[in-house]
PDB file of all heavy atoms in Angstrom:
ATOM      1  N   ASN A   1       5.641   4.218  -3.102  1.00  0.00           N
ATOM      2  CA  ASN A   1       5.546   2.826  -2.677  1.00  0.00           C
ATOM      3  C   ASN A   1       4.398   2.696  -1.676  1.00  0.00           C
ATOM      4  O   ASN A   1       4.505   3.148  -0.534  1.00  0.00           O
ATOM      5  CB  ASN A   1       6.874   2.381  -2.054  1.00  0.00           C
ATOM      6  CG  ASN A   1       6.904   0.900  -1.746  1.00  0.00           C
ATOM      7  OD1 ASN A   1       5.910   0.311  -1.329  1.00  0.00           O
ATOM      8  ND2 ASN A   1       8.062   0.278  -1.958  1.00  0.00           N
ATOM      9  N   PHE A   2       3.315   2.080  -2.108  1.00  0.00           N
ATOM     10  CA  PHE A   2       2.133   2.002  -1.256  1.00  0.00           C
ATOM     11  C   PHE A   2       2.370   1.118  -0.038  1.00  0.00           C
ATOM     12  O   PHE A   2       1.737   1.307   1.008  1.00  0.00           O
ATOM     13  CB  PHE A   2       0.935   1.498  -2.053  1.00  0.00           C
ATOM     14  CG  PHE A   2       0.453   2.455  -3.119  1.00  0.00           C
ATOM     15  CD1 PHE A   2      -0.462   2.054  -4.082  1.00  0.00           C
ATOM     16  CD2 PHE A   2       0.906   3.765  -3.160  1.00  0.00           C
ATOM     17  CE1 PHE A   2      -0.914   2.934  -5.063  1.00  0.00           C
ATOM     18  CE2 PHE A   2       0.464   4.653  -4.139  1.00  0.00           C
ATOM     19  CZ  PHE A   2      -0.441   4.230  -5.087  1.00  0.00           C
ATOM     20  N   ASP A   3       3.294   0.147  -0.139  1.00  0.00           N
ATOM     21  CA  ASP A   3       3.613  -0.667   1.038  1.00  0.00           C
ATOM     22  C   ASP A   3       4.218   0.207   2.132  1.00  0.00           C
ATOM     23  O   ASP A   3       3.927   0.020   3.322  1.00  0.00           O
ATOM     24  CB  ASP A   3       4.596  -1.781   0.668  1.00  0.00           C
ATOM     25  CG  ASP A   3       3.954  -2.886  -0.158  1.00  0.00           C
ATOM     26  OD1 ASP A   3       2.712  -3.017  -0.090  1.00  0.00           O
ATOM     27  OD2 ASP A   3       4.681  -3.601  -0.874  1.00  0.00           O
ATOM     28  N   ILE A   4       5.027   1.171   1.730  1.00  0.00           N
ATOM     29  CA  ILE A   4       5.607   2.112   2.691  1.00  0.00           C
ATOM     30  C   ILE A   4       4.505   2.986   3.288  1.00  0.00           C
ATOM     31  O   ILE A   4       4.489   3.250   4.496  1.00  0.00           O
ATOM     32  CB  ILE A   4       6.688   2.975   2.006  1.00  0.00           C
ATOM     33  CG1 ILE A   4       7.904   2.110   1.669  1.00  0.00           C
ATOM     34  CG2 ILE A   4       7.095   4.157   2.884  1.00  0.00           C
ATOM     35  CD1 ILE A   4       8.948   2.812   0.822  1.00  0.00           C
ATOM     36  N   VAL A   5       3.589   3.426   2.451  1.00  0.00           N
ATOM     37  CA  VAL A   5       2.454   4.224   2.934  1.00  0.00           C
ATOM     38  C   VAL A   5       1.706   3.473   4.032  1.00  0.00           C
ATOM     39  O   VAL A   5       1.397   4.024   5.095  1.00  0.00           O
ATOM     40  CB  VAL A   5       1.501   4.579   1.773  1.00  0.00           C
ATOM     41  CG1 VAL A   5       0.212   5.215   2.305  1.00  0.00           C
ATOM     42  CG2 VAL A   5       2.175   5.526   0.784  1.00  0.00           C
ATOM     43  N   HIS A   6       1.429   2.200   3.800  1.00  0.00           N
ATOM     44  CA  HIS A   6       0.676   1.419   4.785  1.00  0.00           C
ATOM     45  C   HIS A   6       1.483   1.217   6.074  1.00  0.00           C
ATOM     46  O   HIS A   6       0.913   1.242   7.183  1.00  0.00           O
ATOM     47  CB  HIS A   6       0.270   0.077   4.185  1.00  0.00           C
ATOM     48  CG  HIS A   6      -0.561   0.194   2.944  1.00  0.00           C
ATOM     49  ND1 HIS A   6      -1.552   1.145   2.802  1.00  0.00           N
ATOM     50  CD2 HIS A   6      -0.545  -0.515   1.772  1.00  0.00           C
ATOM     51  CE1 HIS A   6      -2.115   1.018   1.604  1.00  0.00           C
ATOM     52  NE2 HIS A   6      -1.518   0.022   0.970  1.00  0.00           N
ATOM     53  N   LYS A   7       2.796   1.030   5.943  1.00  0.00           N
ATOM     54  CA  LYS A   7       3.638   0.895   7.133  1.00  0.00           C
ATOM     55  C   LYS A   7       3.597   2.165   7.981  1.00  0.00           C
ATOM     56  O   LYS A   7       3.510   2.111   9.211  1.00  0.00           O
ATOM     57  CB  LYS A   7       5.090   0.609   6.716  1.00  0.00           C
ATOM     58  CG  LYS A   7       5.336  -0.792   6.206  1.00  0.00           C
ATOM     59  CD  LYS A   7       6.804  -0.950   5.800  1.00  0.00           C
ATOM     60  CE  LYS A   7       7.050  -2.343   5.215  1.00  0.00           C
ATOM     61  NZ  LYS A   7       8.457  -2.486   4.754  1.00  0.00           N
ATOM     62  N   ILE A   8       3.640   3.316   7.318  1.00  0.00           N
ATOM     63  CA  ILE A   8       3.644   4.583   8.045  1.00  0.00           C
ATOM     64  C   ILE A   8       2.280   4.854   8.671  1.00  0.00           C
ATOM     65  O   ILE A   8       2.183   5.420   9.767  1.00  0.00           O
ATOM     66  CB  ILE A   8       4.099   5.724   7.116  1.00  0.00           C
ATOM     67  CG1 ILE A   8       5.592   5.529   6.806  1.00  0.00           C
ATOM     68  CG2 ILE A   8       3.844   7.098   7.720  1.00  0.00           C
ATOM     69  CD1 ILE A   8       6.148   6.435   5.754  1.00  0.00           C
ATOM     70  N   THR A   9       1.224   4.418   8.003  1.00  0.00           N
ATOM     71  CA  THR A   9      -0.110   4.546   8.596  1.00  0.00           C
ATOM     72  C   THR A   9      -0.186   3.762   9.902  1.00  0.00           C
ATOM     73  O   THR A   9      -0.689   4.260  10.920  1.00  0.00           O
ATOM     74  CB  THR A   9      -1.182   4.027   7.622  1.00  0.00           C
ATOM     75  OG1 THR A   9      -1.042   4.699   6.364  1.00  0.00           O
ATOM     76  CG2 THR A   9      -2.583   4.275   8.173  1.00  0.00           C
ATOM     77  N   ASP A  10       0.323   2.543   9.886  1.00  0.00           N
ATOM     78  CA  ASP A  10       0.337   1.725  11.107  1.00  0.00           C
ATOM     79  C   ASP A  10       1.226   2.353  12.177  1.00  0.00           C
ATOM     80  O   ASP A  10       0.883   2.358  13.369  1.00  0.00           O
ATOM     81  CB  ASP A  10       0.827   0.309  10.789  1.00  0.00           C
ATOM     82  CG  ASP A  10      -0.143  -0.473   9.915  1.00  0.00           C
ATOM     83  OD1 ASP A  10      -1.342  -0.103   9.892  1.00  0.00           O
ATOM     84  OD2 ASP A  10       0.287  -1.437   9.255  1.00  0.00           O
ATOM     85  N   LYS A  11       2.363   2.894  11.751  1.00  0.00           N
ATOM     86  CA  LYS A  11       3.288   3.535  12.691  1.00  0.00           C
ATOM     87  C   LYS A  11       2.649   4.765  13.333  1.00  0.00           C
ATOM     88  O   LYS A  11       2.791   5.005  14.539  1.00  0.00           O
ATOM     89  CB  LYS A  11       4.565   3.932  11.946  1.00  0.00           C
ATOM     90  CG  LYS A  11       5.654   4.520  12.828  1.00  0.00           C
ATOM     91  CD  LYS A  11       6.893   4.864  11.988  1.00  0.00           C
ATOM     92  CE  LYS A  11       7.963   5.517  12.849  1.00  0.00           C
ATOM     93  NZ  LYS A  11       9.158   5.905  12.041  1.00  0.00           N
ATOM     94  N   PHE A  12       1.915   5.521  12.534  1.00  0.00           N
ATOM     95  CA  PHE A  12       1.222   6.702  13.049  1.00  0.00           C
ATOM     96  C   PHE A  12       0.204   6.297  14.116  1.00  0.00           C
ATOM     97  O   PHE A  12       0.102   6.920  15.174  1.00  0.00           O
ATOM     98  CB  PHE A  12       0.534   7.453  11.914  1.00  0.00           C
ATOM     99  CG  PHE A  12      -0.156   8.726  12.343  1.00  0.00           C
ATOM    100  CD1 PHE A  12       0.496   9.943  12.287  1.00  0.00           C
ATOM    101  CD2 PHE A  12      -1.469   8.704  12.814  1.00  0.00           C
ATOM    102  CE1 PHE A  12      -0.129  11.112  12.691  1.00  0.00           C
ATOM    103  CE2 PHE A  12      -2.103   9.859  13.221  1.00  0.00           C
ATOM    104  CZ  PHE A  12      -1.430  11.072  13.156  1.00  0.00           C
ATOM    105  N   LYS A  13      -0.541   5.243  13.844  1.00  0.00           N
ATOM    106  CA  LYS A  13      -1.578   4.799  14.785  1.00  0.00           C
ATOM    107  C   LYS A  13      -0.961   4.359  16.115  1.00  0.00           C
ATOM    108  O   LYS A  13      -1.533   4.595  17.182  1.00  0.00           O
ATOM    109  CB  LYS A  13      -2.390   3.653  14.168  1.00  0.00           C
ATOM    110  CG  LYS A  13      -3.569   3.193  15.020  1.00  0.00           C
ATOM    111  CD  LYS A  13      -4.365   2.130  14.304  1.00  0.00           C
ATOM    112  CE  LYS A  13      -5.565   1.708  15.140  1.00  0.00           C
ATOM    113  NZ  LYS A  13      -5.155   1.096  16.422  1.00  0.00           N
ATOM    114  N   LYS A  14       0.219   3.748  16.054  1.00  0.00           N
ATOM    115  CA  LYS A  14       0.891   3.333  17.283  1.00  0.00           C
ATOM    116  C   LYS A  14       1.412   4.533  18.064  1.00  0.00           C
ATOM    117  O   LYS A  14       1.361   4.558  19.288  1.00  0.00           O
ATOM    118  CB  LYS A  14       2.035   2.382  16.951  1.00  0.00           C
ATOM    119  CG  LYS A  14       1.581   1.021  16.459  1.00  0.00           C
ATOM    120  CD  LYS A  14       2.760   0.143  16.060  1.00  0.00           C
ATOM    121  CE  LYS A  14       2.283  -1.202  15.506  1.00  0.00           C
ATOM    122  NZ  LYS A  14       3.415  -2.028  15.041  1.00  0.00           N
ATOM    123  N   GLN A  15       1.914   5.546  17.326  1.00  0.00           N
ATOM    124  CA  GLN A  15       2.449   6.739  17.969  1.00  0.00           C
ATOM    125  C   GLN A  15       1.342   7.582  18.590  1.00  0.00           C
ATOM    126  O   GLN A  15       1.468   8.096  19.697  1.00  0.00           O
ATOM    127  CB  GLN A  15       3.229   7.570  16.942  1.00  0.00           C
ATOM    128  CG  GLN A  15       3.778   8.885  17.453  1.00  0.00           C
ATOM    129  CD  GLN A  15       4.902   8.713  18.454  1.00  0.00           C
ATOM    130  OE1 GLN A  15       5.501   7.653  18.539  1.00  0.00           O
ATOM    131  NE2 GLN A  15       5.190   9.770  19.215  1.00  0.00           N
ATOM    132  N   PHE A  16       0.244   7.741  17.852  1.00  0.00           N
ATOM    133  CA  PHE A  16      -0.894   8.546  18.309  1.00  0.00           C
ATOM    134  C   PHE A  16      -2.050   7.582  18.578  1.00  0.00           C
ATOM    135  O   PHE A  16      -2.949   7.417  17.747  1.00  0.00           O
ATOM    136  CB  PHE A  16      -1.261   9.593  17.258  1.00  0.00           C
ATOM    137  CG  PHE A  16      -0.138  10.546  16.940  1.00  0.00           C
ATOM    138  CD1 PHE A  16       0.710  10.307  15.854  1.00  0.00           C
ATOM    139  CD2 PHE A  16       0.097  11.673  17.711  1.00  0.00           C
ATOM    140  CE1 PHE A  16       1.743  11.184  15.550  1.00  0.00           C
ATOM    141  CE2 PHE A  16       1.130  12.554  17.422  1.00  0.00           C
ATOM    142  CZ  PHE A  16       1.968  12.304  16.342  1.00  0.00           C
ATOM    143  N   ASN A  17      -1.990   6.943  19.731  1.00  0.00           N
ATOM    144  CA  ASN A  17      -2.885   5.799  19.957  1.00  0.00           C
ATOM    145  C   ASN A  17      -4.330   6.174  20.252  1.00  0.00           C
ATOM    146  O   ASN A  17      -5.162   5.289  20.457  1.00  0.00           O
ATOM    147  CB  ASN A  17      -2.327   4.879  21.048  1.00  0.00           C
ATOM    148  CG  ASN A  17      -1.997   5.623  22.328  1.00  0.00           C
ATOM    149  OD1 ASN A  17      -2.632   6.631  22.645  1.00  0.00           O
ATOM    150  ND2 ASN A  17      -1.008   5.142  23.059  1.00  0.00           N
ATOM    151  N   ASP A  18      -4.645   7.475  20.278  1.00  0.00           N
ATOM    152  CA  ASP A  18      -6.053   7.865  20.380  1.00  0.00           C
ATOM    153  C   ASP A  18      -6.773   7.703  19.038  1.00  0.00           C
ATOM    154  O   ASP A  18      -8.005   7.708  18.981  1.00  0.00           O
ATOM    155  CB  ASP A  18      -6.183   9.319  20.856  1.00  0.00           C
ATOM    156  CG  ASP A  18      -5.929   9.450  22.358  1.00  0.00           C
ATOM    157  OD1 ASP A  18      -6.110   8.446  23.074  1.00  0.00           O
ATOM    158  OD2 ASP A  18      -5.543  10.542  22.804  1.00  0.00           O
ATOM    159  N   PHE A  19      -6.001   7.582  17.967  1.00  0.00           N
ATOM    160  CA  PHE A  19      -6.598   7.422  16.642  1.00  0.00           C
ATOM    161  C   PHE A  19      -7.084   5.990  16.448  1.00  0.00           C
ATOM    162  O   PHE A  19      -6.399   5.028  16.823  1.00  0.00           O
ATOM    163  CB  PHE A  19      -5.582   7.765  15.551  1.00  0.00           C
ATOM    164  CG  PHE A  19      -5.450   9.242  15.285  1.00  0.00           C
ATOM    165  CD1 PHE A  19      -4.654  10.028  16.106  1.00  0.00           C
ATOM    166  CD2 PHE A  19      -6.117   9.844  14.227  1.00  0.00           C
ATOM    167  CE1 PHE A  19      -4.518  11.395  15.874  1.00  0.00           C
ATOM    168  CE2 PHE A  19      -5.999  11.203  13.986  1.00  0.00           C
ATOM    169  CZ  PHE A  19      -5.199  11.976  14.814  1.00  0.00           C
ATOM    170  N   LYS A  20      -8.269   5.872  15.856  1.00  0.00           N
ATOM    171  CA  LYS A  20      -8.863   4.571  15.569  1.00  0.00           C
ATOM    172  C   LYS A  20      -9.062   4.430  14.059  1.00  0.00           C
ATOM    173  O   LYS A  20      -9.187   5.415  13.337  1.00  0.00           O
ATOM    174  CB  LYS A  20     -10.215   4.416  16.277  1.00  0.00           C
ATOM    175  CG  LYS A  20     -10.192   4.771  17.761  1.00  0.00           C
ATOM    176  CD  LYS A  20      -9.234   3.911  18.561  1.00  0.00           C
ATOM    177  CE  LYS A  20      -9.234   4.316  20.034  1.00  0.00           C
ATOM    178  NZ  LYS A  20      -8.188   3.581  20.805  1.00  0.00           N
ATOM    179  N   LYS A  21      -9.127   3.200  13.605  1.00  0.00           N
ATOM    180  CA  LYS A  21      -9.394   2.966  12.184  1.00  0.00           C
ATOM    181  C   LYS A  21     -10.761   3.526  11.826  1.00  0.00           C
ATOM    182  O   LYS A  21     -11.759   3.223  12.482  1.00  0.00           O
ATOM    183  CB  LYS A  21      -9.334   1.475  11.864  1.00  0.00           C
ATOM    184  CG  LYS A  21      -7.926   0.895  11.930  1.00  0.00           C
ATOM    185  CD  LYS A  21      -7.922  -0.572  11.508  1.00  0.00           C
ATOM    186  CE  LYS A  21      -6.511  -1.148  11.573  1.00  0.00           C
ATOM    187  NZ  LYS A  21      -6.464  -2.562  11.143  1.00  0.00           N
ATOM    188  N   ASP A  22     -10.792   4.317  10.753  1.00  0.00           N
ATOM    189  CA  ASP A  22     -12.040   4.955  10.335  1.00  0.00           C
ATOM    190  C   ASP A  22     -12.417   4.563   8.910  1.00  0.00           C
ATOM    191  O   ASP A  22     -13.534   4.794   8.476  1.00  0.00           O
ATOM    192  CB  ASP A  22     -11.888   6.477  10.443  1.00  0.00           C
ATOM    193  CG  ASP A  22     -13.179   7.231  10.230  1.00  0.00           C
ATOM    194  OD1 ASP A  22     -14.171   6.885  10.893  1.00  0.00           O
ATOM    195  OD2 ASP A  22     -13.209   8.162   9.395  1.00  0.00           O
ATOM    196  N   GLY A  23     -11.464   3.990   8.182  1.00  0.00           N
ATOM    197  CA  GLY A  23     -11.729   3.551   6.819  1.00  0.00           C
ATOM    198  C   GLY A  23     -10.731   2.486   6.421  1.00  0.00           C
ATOM    199  O   GLY A  23      -9.519   2.681   6.556  1.00  0.00           O
ATOM    200  N   VAL A  24     -11.236   1.328   5.966  1.00  0.00           N
ATOM    201  CA  VAL A  24     -10.385   0.223   5.527  1.00  0.00           C
ATOM    202  C   VAL A  24     -10.781  -0.144   4.106  1.00  0.00           C
ATOM    203  O   VAL A  24     -11.977  -0.311   3.816  1.00  0.00           O
ATOM    204  CB  VAL A  24     -10.529  -1.000   6.464  1.00  0.00           C
ATOM    205  CG1 VAL A  24      -9.680  -2.165   5.966  1.00  0.00           C
ATOM    206  CG2 VAL A  24     -10.144  -0.626   7.891  1.00  0.00           C
ATOM    207  N   ASP A  25      -9.795  -0.255   3.203  1.00  0.00           N
ATOM    208  CA  ASP A  25     -10.130  -0.531   1.805  1.00  0.00           C
ATOM    209  C   ASP A  25     -10.422  -2.017   1.586  1.00  0.00           C
ATOM    210  O   ASP A  25     -10.339  -2.837   2.509  1.00  0.00           O
ATOM    211  CB  ASP A  25      -9.031  -0.010   0.866  1.00  0.00           C
ATOM    212  CG  ASP A  25      -7.720  -0.790   0.956  1.00  0.00           C
ATOM    213  OD1 ASP A  25      -7.740  -1.955   1.375  1.00  0.00           O
ATOM    214  OD2 ASP A  25      -6.660  -0.222   0.585  1.00  0.00           O
ATOM    215  N   TYR A  26     -10.771  -2.365   0.359  1.00  0.00           N
ATOM    216  CA  TYR A  26     -11.164  -3.736   0.043  1.00  0.00           C
ATOM    217  C   TYR A  26     -10.020  -4.734   0.213  1.00  0.00           C
ATOM    218  O   TYR A  26     -10.253  -5.946   0.274  1.00  0.00           O
ATOM    219  CB  TYR A  26     -11.695  -3.816  -1.389  1.00  0.00           C
ATOM    220  CG  TYR A  26     -12.999  -3.086  -1.617  1.00  0.00           C
ATOM    221  CD1 TYR A  26     -13.339  -2.607  -2.877  1.00  0.00           C
ATOM    222  CD2 TYR A  26     -13.899  -2.886  -0.576  1.00  0.00           C
ATOM    223  CE1 TYR A  26     -14.542  -1.939  -3.092  1.00  0.00           C
ATOM    224  CE2 TYR A  26     -15.098  -2.230  -0.780  1.00  0.00           C
ATOM    225  CZ  TYR A  26     -15.404  -1.754  -2.045  1.00  0.00           C
ATOM    226  OH  TYR A  26     -16.604  -1.093  -2.244  1.00  0.00           O
ATOM    227  N   GLU A  27      -8.788  -4.221   0.273  1.00  0.00           N
ATOM    228  CA  GLU A  27      -7.630  -5.107   0.435  1.00  0.00           C
ATOM    229  C   GLU A  27      -7.164  -5.179   1.888  1.00  0.00           C
ATOM    230  O   GLU A  27      -6.120  -5.763   2.189  1.00  0.00           O
ATOM    231  CB  GLU A  27      -6.498  -4.615  -0.474  1.00  0.00           C
ATOM    232  CG  GLU A  27      -6.869  -4.697  -1.957  1.00  0.00           C
ATOM    233  CD  GLU A  27      -5.855  -4.030  -2.864  1.00  0.00           C
ATOM    234  OE1 GLU A  27      -4.839  -3.509  -2.343  1.00  0.00           O
ATOM    235  OE2 GLU A  27      -6.077  -4.023  -4.091  1.00  0.00           O
ATOM    236  N   GLY A  28      -7.924  -4.534   2.784  1.00  0.00           N
ATOM    237  CA  GLY A  28      -7.605  -4.614   4.202  1.00  0.00           C
ATOM    238  C   GLY A  28      -6.671  -3.537   4.708  1.00  0.00           C
ATOM    239  O   GLY A  28      -6.251  -3.569   5.874  1.00  0.00           O
ATOM    240  N   ASN A  29      -6.330  -2.574   3.858  1.00  0.00           N
ATOM    241  CA  ASN A  29      -5.437  -1.498   4.260  1.00  0.00           C
ATOM    242  C   ASN A  29      -6.220  -0.309   4.798  1.00  0.00           C
ATOM    243  O   ASN A  29      -7.267   0.056   4.254  1.00  0.00           O
ATOM    244  CB  ASN A  29      -4.580  -1.047   3.072  1.00  0.00           C
ATOM    245  CG  ASN A  29      -3.675  -2.152   2.567  1.00  0.00           C
ATOM    246  OD1 ASN A  29      -2.913  -2.737   3.332  1.00  0.00           O
ATOM    247  ND2 ASN A  29      -3.771  -2.459   1.281  1.00  0.00           N
ATOM    248  N   THR A  30      -5.700   0.297   5.851  1.00  0.00           N
ATOM    249  CA  THR A  30      -6.361   1.451   6.456  1.00  0.00           C
ATOM    250  C   THR A  30      -6.082   2.699   5.630  1.00  0.00           C
ATOM    251  O   THR A  30      -4.927   3.026   5.360  1.00  0.00           O
ATOM    252  CB  THR A  30      -5.844   1.675   7.888  1.00  0.00           C
ATOM    253  OG1 THR A  30      -6.109   0.496   8.666  1.00  0.00           O
ATOM    254  CG2 THR A  30      -6.524   2.868   8.538  1.00  0.00           C
ATOM    255  N   PHE A  31      -7.147   3.395   5.215  1.00  0.00           N
ATOM    256  CA  PHE A  31      -6.942   4.647   4.489  1.00  0.00           C
ATOM    257  C   PHE A  31      -7.430   5.861   5.280  1.00  0.00           C
ATOM    258  O   PHE A  31      -7.266   6.999   4.832  1.00  0.00           O
ATOM    259  CB  PHE A  31      -7.605   4.620   3.106  1.00  0.00           C
ATOM    260  CG  PHE A  31      -9.107   4.532   3.108  1.00  0.00           C
ATOM    261  CD1 PHE A  31      -9.894   5.678   3.207  1.00  0.00           C
ATOM    262  CD2 PHE A  31      -9.745   3.314   2.977  1.00  0.00           C
ATOM    263  CE1 PHE A  31     -11.277   5.599   3.196  1.00  0.00           C
ATOM    264  CE2 PHE A  31     -11.125   3.215   2.954  1.00  0.00           C
ATOM    265  CZ  PHE A  31     -11.896   4.371   3.072  1.00  0.00           C
ATOM    266  N   SER A  32      -7.984   5.630   6.469  1.00  0.00           N
ATOM    267  CA  SER A  32      -8.438   6.745   7.287  1.00  0.00           C
ATOM    268  C   SER A  32      -8.345   6.383   8.761  1.00  0.00           C
ATOM    269  O   SER A  32      -8.770   5.301   9.171  1.00  0.00           O
ATOM    270  CB  SER A  32      -9.879   7.122   6.930  1.00  0.00           C
ATOM    271  OG  SER A  32     -10.339   8.196   7.722  1.00  0.00           O
ATOM    272  N   LEU A  33      -7.756   7.297   9.541  1.00  0.00           N
ATOM    273  CA  LEU A  33      -7.676   7.176  10.990  1.00  0.00           C
ATOM    274  C   LEU A  33      -8.362   8.387  11.611  1.00  0.00           C
ATOM    275  O   LEU A  33      -8.193   9.505  11.115  1.00  0.00           O
ATOM    276  CB  LEU A  33      -6.226   7.124  11.457  1.00  0.00           C
ATOM    277  CG  LEU A  33      -5.377   5.931  11.023  1.00  0.00           C
ATOM    278  CD1 LEU A  33      -3.909   6.191  11.323  1.00  0.00           C
ATOM    279  CD2 LEU A  33      -5.851   4.658  11.730  1.00  0.00           C
ATOM    280  N   LYS A  34      -9.102   8.171  12.695  1.00  0.00           N
ATOM    281  CA  LYS A  34      -9.807   9.285  13.325  1.00  0.00           C
ATOM    282  C   LYS A  34      -9.627   9.247  14.835  1.00  0.00           C
ATOM    283  O   LYS A  34      -9.704   8.185  15.452  1.00  0.00           O
ATOM    284  CB  LYS A  34     -11.304   9.232  12.989  1.00  0.00           C
ATOM    285  CG  LYS A  34     -12.108  10.401  13.557  1.00  0.00           C
ATOM    286  CD  LYS A  34     -13.556  10.365  13.080  1.00  0.00           C
ATOM    287  CE  LYS A  34     -14.340  11.562  13.589  1.00  0.00           C
ATOM    288  NZ  LYS A  34     -15.733  11.563  13.091  1.00  0.00           N
ATOM    289  N   ASN A  35      -9.389  10.425  15.406  1.00  0.00           N
ATOM    290  CA  ASN A  35      -9.317  10.571  16.851  1.00  0.00           C
ATOM    291  C   ASN A  35     -10.705  10.986  17.337  1.00  0.00           C
ATOM    292  O   ASN A  35     -11.140  12.118  17.092  1.00  0.00           O
ATOM    293  CB  ASN A  35      -8.280  11.634  17.223  1.00  0.00           C
ATOM    294  CG  ASN A  35      -8.092  11.780  18.717  1.00  0.00           C
ATOM    295  OD1 ASN A  35      -8.979  11.465  19.503  1.00  0.00           O
ATOM    296  ND2 ASN A  35      -6.927  12.278  19.124  1.00  0.00           N
ATOM    297  N   PRO A  36     -11.425  10.119  18.027  1.00  0.00           N
ATOM    298  CA  PRO A  36     -12.790  10.448  18.444  1.00  0.00           C
ATOM    299  C   PRO A  36     -12.851  11.553  19.497  1.00  0.00           C
ATOM    300  O   PRO A  36     -13.905  12.149  19.700  1.00  0.00           O
ATOM    301  CB  PRO A  36     -13.327   9.126  18.996  1.00  0.00           C
ATOM    302  CG  PRO A  36     -12.112   8.344  19.381  1.00  0.00           C
ATOM    303  CD  PRO A  36     -11.040   8.741  18.419  1.00  0.00           C
ATOM    304  N   LYS A  37     -11.719  11.848  20.140  1.00  0.00           N
ATOM    305  CA  LYS A  37     -11.714  12.867  21.184  1.00  0.00           C
ATOM    306  C   LYS A  37     -11.737  14.283  20.611  1.00  0.00           C
ATOM    307  O   LYS A  37     -12.433  15.160  21.115  1.00  0.00           O
ATOM    308  CB  LYS A  37     -10.500  12.681  22.089  1.00  0.00           C
ATOM    309  CG  LYS A  37     -10.524  11.383  22.880  1.00  0.00           C
ATOM    310  CD  LYS A  37      -9.292  11.246  23.765  1.00  0.00           C
ATOM    311  CE  LYS A  37      -9.333   9.944  24.561  1.00  0.00           C
ATOM    312  NZ  LYS A  37      -8.118   9.782  25.411  1.00  0.00           N
ATOM    313  N   ASN A  38     -10.947  14.517  19.565  1.00  0.00           N
ATOM    314  CA  ASN A  38     -10.909  15.867  18.976  1.00  0.00           C
ATOM    315  C   ASN A  38     -11.375  15.890  17.526  1.00  0.00           C
ATOM    316  O   ASN A  38     -11.369  16.945  16.888  1.00  0.00           O
ATOM    317  CB  ASN A  38      -9.505  16.467  19.089  1.00  0.00           C
ATOM    318  CG  ASN A  38      -8.431  15.578  18.453  1.00  0.00           C
ATOM    319  OD1 ASN A  38      -8.709  14.791  17.555  1.00  0.00           O
ATOM    320  ND2 ASN A  38      -7.195  15.716  18.918  1.00  0.00           N
ATOM    321  N   GLU A  39     -11.744  14.712  16.984  1.00  0.00           N
ATOM    322  CA  GLU A  39     -12.263  14.554  15.623  1.00  0.00           C
ATOM    323  C   GLU A  39     -11.227  14.840  14.547  1.00  0.00           C
ATOM    324  O   GLU A  39     -11.567  15.053  13.377  1.00  0.00           O
ATOM    325  CB  GLU A  39     -13.517  15.418  15.401  1.00  0.00           C
ATOM    326  CG  GLU A  39     -14.675  15.024  16.312  1.00  0.00           C
ATOM    327  CD  GLU A  39     -15.966  15.741  15.976  1.00  0.00           C
ATOM    328  OE1 GLU A  39     -15.907  16.863  15.441  1.00  0.00           O
ATOM    329  OE2 GLU A  39     -17.035  15.173  16.251  1.00  0.00           O
TER     330      GLU A  39
END
């Protein structure tokens, strides 16, 4: 369920708030998160 995937991506970003959006698809969903501190 891709809707669940997107929810967990958002949840991960909130939990690990050093991560920033690094890739957003054409539908506005984040497919990549990156921590600029440790890469």
